[in-house]
Each structure stands twice: as structure tokens, then as C-alpha cells.
């Protein structure tokens, strides 16, 4: 919804990887509004995803670069570079990093769990405070799923509130993503299905594509 008007959009969370690298894209398309795409690429190491570049493409592209040699995050918008912290993610890779953590240690993630993860946007790279809410049951495309909801509260009156719902049956990947701007406009994506994707050129991997609307 934007400026009091409701638009029906389609979205896709595209996830591909091999043993050492990954590509992750979240795209949203709406009639008359156009499309917006968030893309994260990087390496996979012992701690999980290690982003190299994050971009936000809407009207024009802006990006954040993870400079691991200089231990900083640099922004194409000329914002002040941020010190790079261990385990840092971007606002798209965060979904998959948390999914992997929940799959690996599900007993660690109980309602009330709080995490702080440095999360890069195209403007800054600051700790996001995430809180895991009570589990609930929701229906997606006729399928009832037990889901866990993560909430990231905005740090000030100008930032968006980010919520996403993860389901064990979908490898803890998001089955719903809701981003609410300070203006009240929001994007609300609901999972509809998963389709296989070809592997990245190097190595072998398990890939999948989440479709949403």
C-alpha cells in the first residue's frame, strides 16, 4: 500500500549458492509502480554468509560494498564508511543467515530471543535489534504452516519497521516479509510456492526460488 492506495504486486526471493559463494535477490513488481530489486552477493565461509556487495535498484541503483581488507563498509551514496563488524549482513542476506542459524540450532531460538546483527543498507551499516515473537499458525496458498515472526523495530522516526515470518517446513526461509515505511506505506509479500533454479557456475549446490505476492 502506498499513499492510501493498494497495489497488488508480485515478488520473488531468488537464492543460489555453491560451496563458496552465493547470490540472493529479492524483487518486487507492481503495475504502474514498476519494480524494485535488492541484491546481495558474496562468499560462504565458516560463519555463514559473508556479503561482498549489496544493492538497491529502484529508479537508479545504490550499493554498499563490504571492504574486508580495510574492514569497512563503503557506500556509493558517499555516506561515511562504517567499520565492518564480525558477522555483518545486509538487509537481504540477513534472512538466509538467520534461516541457517535456526535450522542448525532450533533449540536456541525461543520466543523472546533477541539478537543484534550489524546490517547494511545502501546508506548505513548499524546493528539491527531483532526480537523473535511467539509462534503462530498461518495459511499460505491453502497450506497451514507454523511460523516464527522476527521483528526489527525502527531506530528512529524515519526508518522502516521490518517483519518476517519463517517456517521450518520451508527451511526457515521467509514465508512472509512486511516492510512498513515511516509514512505508513508498506510492502507485504506472502509465499506462494518454491521452484528449483540452476546452480551457480562453480561447484554444486541446492537452490530454490520463493515466489510471493
C-alpha atoms as a PDB file:
ATOM      1  CA  UNK A   1       0.000   0.000   0.000  1.00  0.00           C
ATOM      2  CA  UNK A   2       1.287   3.468  -0.897  1.00  0.00           C
ATOM      3  CA  UNK A   3      -0.309   6.853  -0.143  1.00  0.00           C
ATOM      4  CA  UNK A   4      -3.617   5.214   0.770  1.00  0.00           C
ATOM      5  CA  UNK A   5      -3.808   3.195  -2.459  1.00  0.00           C
ATOM      6  CA  UNK A   6      -3.492  -0.589  -2.513  1.00  0.00           C
ATOM      7  CA  UNK A   7      -1.459  -2.180  -5.309  1.00  0.00           C
ATOM      8  CA  UNK A   8      -1.187  -5.903  -5.966  1.00  0.00           C
ATOM      9  CA  UNK A   9       2.443  -6.824  -6.509  1.00  0.00           C
ATOM     10  CA  UNK A  10       4.395  -9.964  -7.282  1.00  0.00           C
ATOM     11  CA  UNK A  11       7.701 -10.775  -5.676  1.00  0.00           C
ATOM     12  CA  UNK A  12      10.486 -13.310  -5.771  1.00  0.00           C
ATOM     13  CA  UNK A  13      13.226 -14.328  -3.367  1.00  0.00           C
ATOM     14  CA  UNK A  14      15.890 -15.888  -5.555  1.00  0.00           C
ATOM     15  CA  UNK A  15      18.560 -17.882  -3.712  1.00  0.00           C
ATOM     16  CA  UNK A  16      21.503 -19.656  -5.354  1.00  0.00           C
ATOM     17  CA  UNK A  17      24.804 -20.850  -3.961  1.00  0.00           C
ATOM     18  CA  UNK A  18      27.661 -23.288  -4.281  1.00  0.00           C
ATOM     19  CA  UNK A  19      30.272 -24.363  -1.734  1.00  0.00           C
ATOM     20  CA  UNK A  20      31.997 -20.984  -1.581  1.00  0.00           C
ATOM     21  CA  UNK A  21      29.708 -18.290  -2.999  1.00  0.00           C
ATOM     22  CA  UNK A  22      26.105 -17.148  -3.138  1.00  0.00           C
ATOM     23  CA  UNK A  23      23.724 -14.810  -4.961  1.00  0.00           C
ATOM     24  CA  UNK A  24      20.497 -13.629  -3.353  1.00  0.00           C
ATOM     25  CA  UNK A  25      17.872 -11.334  -4.875  1.00  0.00           C
ATOM     26  CA  UNK A  26      14.561 -10.017  -3.551  1.00  0.00           C
ATOM     27  CA  UNK A  27      12.474  -8.358  -6.257  1.00  0.00           C
ATOM     28  CA  UNK A  28       9.036  -6.744  -6.192  1.00  0.00           C
ATOM     29  CA  UNK A  29       6.970  -5.722  -9.230  1.00  0.00           C
ATOM     30  CA  UNK A  30       3.686  -3.815  -9.325  1.00  0.00           C
ATOM     31  CA  UNK A  31       1.591  -2.465 -12.212  1.00  0.00           C
ATOM     32  CA  UNK A  32       2.088   1.289 -12.699  1.00  0.00           C
ATOM     33  CA  UNK A  33       4.628   1.368  -9.850  1.00  0.00           C
ATOM     34  CA  UNK A  34       7.431  -0.520 -11.552  1.00  0.00           C
ATOM     35  CA  UNK A  35       9.950  -2.858  -9.991  1.00  0.00           C
ATOM     36  CA  UNK A  36      12.432  -2.737  -7.144  1.00  0.00           C
ATOM     37  CA  UNK A  37      15.258  -5.171  -6.555  1.00  0.00           C
ATOM     38  CA  UNK A  38      17.552  -5.792  -3.591  1.00  0.00           C
ATOM     39  CA  UNK A  39      20.573  -7.968  -4.412  1.00  0.00           C
ATOM     40  CA  UNK A  40      23.298  -9.462  -2.231  1.00  0.00           C
ATOM     41  CA  UNK A  41      26.361 -11.350  -3.475  1.00  0.00           C
ATOM     42  CA  UNK A  42      29.287 -12.711  -1.508  1.00  0.00           C
ATOM     43  CA  UNK A  43      31.130 -15.695  -0.125  1.00  0.00           C
ATOM     44  CA  UNK A  44      30.192 -18.565   2.163  1.00  0.00           C
ATOM     45  CA  UNK A  45      32.644 -19.241   4.970  1.00  0.00           C
ATOM     46  CA  UNK A  46      32.702 -20.988   8.342  1.00  0.00           C
ATOM     47  CA  UNK A  47      30.364 -18.384   9.864  1.00  0.00           C
ATOM     48  CA  UNK A  48      27.812 -18.487   7.038  1.00  0.00           C
ATOM     49  CA  UNK A  49      27.172 -15.722   4.523  1.00  0.00           C
ATOM     50  CA  UNK A  50      29.849 -13.068   4.082  1.00  0.00           C
ATOM     51  CA  UNK A  51      28.366 -10.375   1.803  1.00  0.00           C
ATOM     52  CA  UNK A  52      30.624  -8.614  -0.672  1.00  0.00           C
ATOM     53  CA  UNK A  53      28.145  -6.226  -2.313  1.00  0.00           C
ATOM     54  CA  UNK A  54      24.557  -5.197  -1.588  1.00  0.00           C
ATOM     55  CA  UNK A  55      22.490  -3.106  -3.999  1.00  0.00           C
ATOM     56  CA  UNK A  56      19.050  -1.495  -4.052  1.00  0.00           C
ATOM     57  CA  UNK A  57      17.726  -0.798  -7.551  1.00  0.00           C
ATOM     58  CA  UNK A  58      14.676   1.421  -7.865  1.00  0.00           C
ATOM     59  CA  UNK A  59      14.795   4.241 -10.434  1.00  0.00           C
ATOM     60  CA  UNK A  60      18.565   4.079 -10.014  1.00  0.00           C
ATOM     61  CA  UNK A  61      20.968   1.730  -8.285  1.00  0.00           C
ATOM     62  CA  UNK A  62      22.711   2.411  -4.988  1.00  0.00           C
ATOM     63  CA  UNK A  63      25.086  -0.008  -3.314  1.00  0.00           C
ATOM     64  CA  UNK A  64      27.090  -0.891  -0.232  1.00  0.00           C
ATOM     65  CA  UNK A  65      30.471  -2.603  -0.594  1.00  0.00           C
ATOM     66  CA  UNK A  66      31.959  -4.805   2.120  1.00  0.00           C
ATOM     67  CA  UNK A  67      35.678  -3.969   2.036  1.00  0.00           C
ATOM     68  CA  UNK A  68      37.072  -6.828   4.088  1.00  0.00           C
ATOM     69  CA  UNK A  69      40.715  -5.855   3.557  1.00  0.00           C
ATOM     70  CA  UNK A  70      40.109  -2.441   5.136  1.00  0.00           C
ATOM     71  CA  UNK A  71      37.431  -3.812   7.491  1.00  0.00           C
ATOM     72  CA  UNK A  72      34.800  -1.263   6.492  1.00  0.00           C
ATOM     73  CA  UNK A  73      31.549  -0.879   4.559  1.00  0.00           C
ATOM     74  CA  UNK A  74      31.638   1.744   1.795  1.00  0.00           C
ATOM     75  CA  UNK A  75      28.540   3.320   0.228  1.00  0.00           C
ATOM     76  CA  UNK A  76      28.001   4.567  -3.322  1.00  0.00           C
ATOM     77  CA  UNK A  77      25.870   7.403  -1.902  1.00  0.00           C
ATOM     78  CA  UNK A  78      29.034   8.888  -0.335  1.00  0.00           C
ATOM     79  CA  UNK A  79      27.765   8.245   3.171  1.00  0.00           C
ATOM     80  CA  UNK A  80      30.511   7.951   5.763  1.00  0.00           C
ATOM     81  CA  UNK A  81      32.078   4.441   5.643  1.00  0.00           C
ATOM     82  CA  UNK A  82      31.157   2.210   8.592  1.00  0.00           C
ATOM     83  CA  UNK A  83      33.516  -0.114  10.494  1.00  0.00           C
ATOM     84  CA  UNK A  84      32.830  -3.721   9.485  1.00  0.00           C
ATOM     85  CA  UNK A  85      31.832  -5.893  12.444  1.00  0.00           C
ATOM     86  CA  UNK A  86      32.138  -9.711  12.688  1.00  0.00           C
ATOM     87  CA  UNK A  87      29.069 -11.485  11.303  1.00  0.00           C
ATOM     88  CA  UNK A  88      27.796  -8.400   9.462  1.00  0.00           C
ATOM     89  CA  UNK A  89      24.976  -8.934   6.962  1.00  0.00           C
ATOM     90  CA  UNK A  90      22.905  -6.800   4.616  1.00  0.00           C
ATOM     91  CA  UNK A  91      19.140  -6.389   4.672  1.00  0.00           C
ATOM     92  CA  UNK A  92      18.621  -9.341   2.300  1.00  0.00           C
ATOM     93  CA  UNK A  93      21.360 -11.773   3.334  1.00  0.00           C
ATOM     94  CA  UNK A  94      20.068 -11.439   6.906  1.00  0.00           C
ATOM     95  CA  UNK A  95      17.021 -13.582   6.006  1.00  0.00           C
ATOM     96  CA  UNK A  96      19.132 -16.523   4.852  1.00  0.00           C
ATOM     97  CA  UNK A  97      21.760 -16.183   7.601  1.00  0.00           C
ATOM     98  CA  UNK A  98      19.032 -16.394  10.248  1.00  0.00           C
ATOM     99  CA  UNK A  99      17.389 -19.300   8.415  1.00  0.00           C
ATOM    100  CA  UNK A 100      20.661 -21.246   8.533  1.00  0.00           C
ATOM    101  CA  UNK A 101      21.113 -20.456  12.239  1.00  0.00           C
ATOM    102  CA  UNK A 102      17.571 -21.568  13.082  1.00  0.00           C
ATOM    103  CA  UNK A 103      17.972 -24.783  11.096  1.00  0.00           C
ATOM    104  CA  UNK A 104      21.290 -25.562  12.786  1.00  0.00           C
ATOM    105  CA  UNK A 105      20.263 -24.797  16.385  1.00  0.00           C
ATOM    106  CA  UNK A 106      16.458 -24.643  16.590  1.00  0.00           C
ATOM    107  CA  UNK A 107      16.516 -25.047  20.377  1.00  0.00           C
ATOM    108  CA  UNK A 108      18.376 -21.742  20.671  1.00  0.00           C
ATOM    109  CA  UNK A 109      15.542 -19.738  19.125  1.00  0.00           C
ATOM    110  CA  UNK A 110      12.650 -19.475  21.547  1.00  0.00           C
ATOM    111  CA  UNK A 111      10.077 -16.646  21.773  1.00  0.00           C
ATOM    112  CA  UNK A 112      11.707 -13.581  23.276  1.00  0.00           C
ATOM    113  CA  UNK A 113      15.130 -14.318  21.751  1.00  0.00           C
ATOM    114  CA  UNK A 114      16.938 -11.055  20.990  1.00  0.00           C
ATOM    115  CA  UNK A 115      19.750 -10.593  18.505  1.00  0.00           C
ATOM    116  CA  UNK A 116      21.846  -7.655  17.378  1.00  0.00           C
ATOM    117  CA  UNK A 117      23.320  -8.002  13.897  1.00  0.00           C
ATOM    118  CA  UNK A 118      25.170  -5.288  12.004  1.00  0.00           C
ATOM    119  CA  UNK A 119      23.021  -4.934   8.900  1.00  0.00           C
ATOM    120  CA  UNK A 120      23.956  -2.850   5.887  1.00  0.00           C
ATOM    121  CA  UNK A 121      21.522  -0.839   3.795  1.00  0.00           C
ATOM    122  CA  UNK A 122      22.719   1.424   0.979  1.00  0.00           C
ATOM    123  CA  UNK A 123      23.002   4.298   3.478  1.00  0.00           C
ATOM    124  CA  UNK A 124      24.488   2.821   6.649  1.00  0.00           C
ATOM    125  CA  UNK A 125      25.597  -0.344   8.437  1.00  0.00           C
ATOM    126  CA  UNK A 126      24.403  -0.339  12.028  1.00  0.00           C
ATOM    127  CA  UNK A 127      23.230  -3.029  14.489  1.00  0.00           C
ATOM    128  CA  UNK A 128      19.648  -4.131  13.902  1.00  0.00           C
ATOM    129  CA  UNK A 129      17.823  -5.262  17.036  1.00  0.00           C
ATOM    130  CA  UNK A 130      15.709  -8.315  16.256  1.00  0.00           C
ATOM    131  CA  UNK A 131      13.179  -9.936  18.557  1.00  0.00           C
ATOM    132  CA  UNK A 132      11.600 -13.352  17.968  1.00  0.00           C
ATOM    133  CA  UNK A 133       7.857 -13.330  18.716  1.00  0.00           C
ATOM    134  CA  UNK A 134       5.542 -16.190  19.717  1.00  0.00           C
ATOM    135  CA  UNK A 135       4.921 -18.848  17.116  1.00  0.00           C
ATOM    136  CA  UNK A 136       1.623 -18.765  15.256  1.00  0.00           C
ATOM    137  CA  UNK A 137      -0.153 -20.692  12.536  1.00  0.00           C
ATOM    138  CA  UNK A 138      -0.814 -19.018   9.186  1.00  0.00           C
ATOM    139  CA  UNK A 139      -2.192 -20.180   5.852  1.00  0.00           C
ATOM    140  CA  UNK A 140      -0.207 -19.637   2.671  1.00  0.00           C
ATOM    141  CA  UNK A 141      -1.725 -20.626  -0.665  1.00  0.00           C
ATOM    142  CA  UNK A 142      -4.014 -23.109   1.115  1.00  0.00           C
ATOM    143  CA  UNK A 143      -1.225 -24.609   3.220  1.00  0.00           C
ATOM    144  CA  UNK A 144      -1.228 -24.171   7.010  1.00  0.00           C
ATOM    145  CA  UNK A 145       2.247 -23.521   8.434  1.00  0.00           C
ATOM    146  CA  UNK A 146       3.635 -22.983  11.918  1.00  0.00           C
ATOM    147  CA  UNK A 147       5.661 -19.781  11.683  1.00  0.00           C
ATOM    148  CA  UNK A 148       8.015 -17.735  13.837  1.00  0.00           C
ATOM    149  CA  UNK A 149       8.000 -13.949  13.396  1.00  0.00           C
ATOM    150  CA  UNK A 150      11.079 -11.763  13.639  1.00  0.00           C
ATOM    151  CA  UNK A 151      10.548  -8.055  14.282  1.00  0.00           C
ATOM    152  CA  UNK A 152      13.121  -5.342  13.753  1.00  0.00           C
ATOM    153  CA  UNK A 153      11.915  -2.071  15.207  1.00  0.00           C
ATOM    154  CA  UNK A 154      12.970   1.186  13.544  1.00  0.00           C
ATOM    155  CA  UNK A 155      15.747   3.059  15.333  1.00  0.00           C
ATOM    156  CA  UNK A 156      14.159   6.459  14.720  1.00  0.00           C
ATOM    157  CA  UNK A 157      11.012   8.074  13.302  1.00  0.00           C
ATOM    158  CA  UNK A 158      12.337   7.996   9.745  1.00  0.00           C
ATOM    159  CA  UNK A 159      13.209   4.308   9.425  1.00  0.00           C
ATOM    160  CA  UNK A 160      11.120   1.359   8.303  1.00  0.00           C
ATOM    161  CA  UNK A 161       9.830  -1.450  10.520  1.00  0.00           C
ATOM    162  CA  UNK A 162      10.841  -4.862   9.163  1.00  0.00           C
ATOM    163  CA  UNK A 163       8.964  -8.067   9.977  1.00  0.00           C
ATOM    164  CA  UNK A 164       9.418 -11.525   8.517  1.00  0.00           C
ATOM    165  CA  UNK A 165       7.860 -14.889   9.244  1.00  0.00           C
ATOM    166  CA  UNK A 166       9.940 -18.080   8.958  1.00  0.00           C
ATOM    167  CA  UNK A 167       8.668 -21.669   8.732  1.00  0.00           C
ATOM    168  CA  UNK A 168      10.536 -24.898   9.498  1.00  0.00           C
ATOM    169  CA  UNK A 169       8.762 -26.600   6.578  1.00  0.00           C
ATOM    170  CA  UNK A 170      10.460 -24.107   4.247  1.00  0.00           C
ATOM    171  CA  UNK A 171      13.944 -24.478   5.760  1.00  0.00           C
ATOM    172  CA  UNK A 172      13.278 -21.391   7.910  1.00  0.00           C
ATOM    173  CA  UNK A 173      13.311 -19.121   4.870  1.00  0.00           C
ATOM    174  CA  UNK A 174      10.773 -16.265   4.988  1.00  0.00           C
ATOM    175  CA  UNK A 175       7.208 -17.144   4.008  1.00  0.00           C
ATOM    176  CA  UNK A 176       6.100 -13.576   4.644  1.00  0.00           C
ATOM    177  CA  UNK A 177       8.018 -10.288   4.546  1.00  0.00           C
ATOM    178  CA  UNK A 178       6.450  -6.987   5.560  1.00  0.00           C
ATOM    179  CA  UNK A 179       8.338  -3.674   5.334  1.00  0.00           C
ATOM    180  CA  UNK A 180       6.468  -0.651   6.705  1.00  0.00           C
ATOM    181  CA  UNK A 181       7.841   2.811   5.940  1.00  0.00           C
ATOM    182  CA  UNK A 182       7.602   5.716   8.381  1.00  0.00           C
ATOM    183  CA  UNK A 183       4.932   7.221   6.110  1.00  0.00           C
ATOM    184  CA  UNK A 184       2.705   4.175   6.644  1.00  0.00           C
ATOM    185  CA  UNK A 185       3.269   2.787   3.130  1.00  0.00           C
ATOM    186  CA  UNK A 186       4.215  -0.885   3.175  1.00  0.00           C
ATOM    187  CA  UNK A 187       5.166  -3.925   1.134  1.00  0.00           C
ATOM    188  CA  UNK A 188       3.630  -7.223   2.276  1.00  0.00           C
ATOM    189  CA  UNK A 189       4.831 -10.366   0.492  1.00  0.00           C
ATOM    190  CA  UNK A 190       3.290 -13.808   1.096  1.00  0.00           C
ATOM    191  CA  UNK A 191       4.853 -17.101  -0.007  1.00  0.00           C
ATOM    192  CA  UNK A 192       3.075 -18.930  -2.834  1.00  0.00           C
ATOM    193  CA  UNK A 193       5.487 -21.648  -3.846  1.00  0.00           C
ATOM    194  CA  UNK A 194       9.058 -22.729  -4.479  1.00  0.00           C
ATOM    195  CA  UNK A 195      10.689 -23.559  -7.804  1.00  0.00           C
ATOM    196  CA  UNK A 196      14.127 -25.084  -8.498  1.00  0.00           C
ATOM    197  CA  UNK A 197      16.874 -22.923 -10.012  1.00  0.00           C
ATOM    198  CA  UNK A 198      20.054 -23.889 -11.846  1.00  0.00           C
ATOM    199  CA  UNK A 199      23.195 -23.989  -9.754  1.00  0.00           C
ATOM    200  CA  UNK A 200      25.810 -21.269  -9.761  1.00  0.00           C
ATOM    201  CA  UNK A 201      28.523 -21.980 -12.353  1.00  0.00           C
ATOM    202  CA  UNK A 202      31.124 -23.153  -9.832  1.00  0.00           C
ATOM    203  CA  UNK A 203      30.540 -26.343  -7.799  1.00  0.00           C
ATOM    204  CA  UNK A 204      27.250 -27.951  -6.908  1.00  0.00           C
ATOM    205  CA  UNK A 205      24.539 -26.660  -4.628  1.00  0.00           C
ATOM    206  CA  UNK A 206      20.933 -26.847  -3.564  1.00  0.00           C
ATOM    207  CA  UNK A 207      18.971 -23.911  -4.966  1.00  0.00           C
ATOM    208  CA  UNK A 208      15.427 -22.649  -4.799  1.00  0.00           C
ATOM    209  CA  UNK A 209      13.247 -19.741  -5.699  1.00  0.00           C
ATOM    210  CA  UNK A 210      10.481 -18.392  -3.457  1.00  0.00           C
ATOM    211  CA  UNK A 211       7.528 -16.808  -5.250  1.00  0.00           C
ATOM    212  CA  UNK A 212       5.309 -14.341  -3.408  1.00  0.00           C
ATOM    213  CA  UNK A 213       2.507 -11.893  -3.967  1.00  0.00           C
END
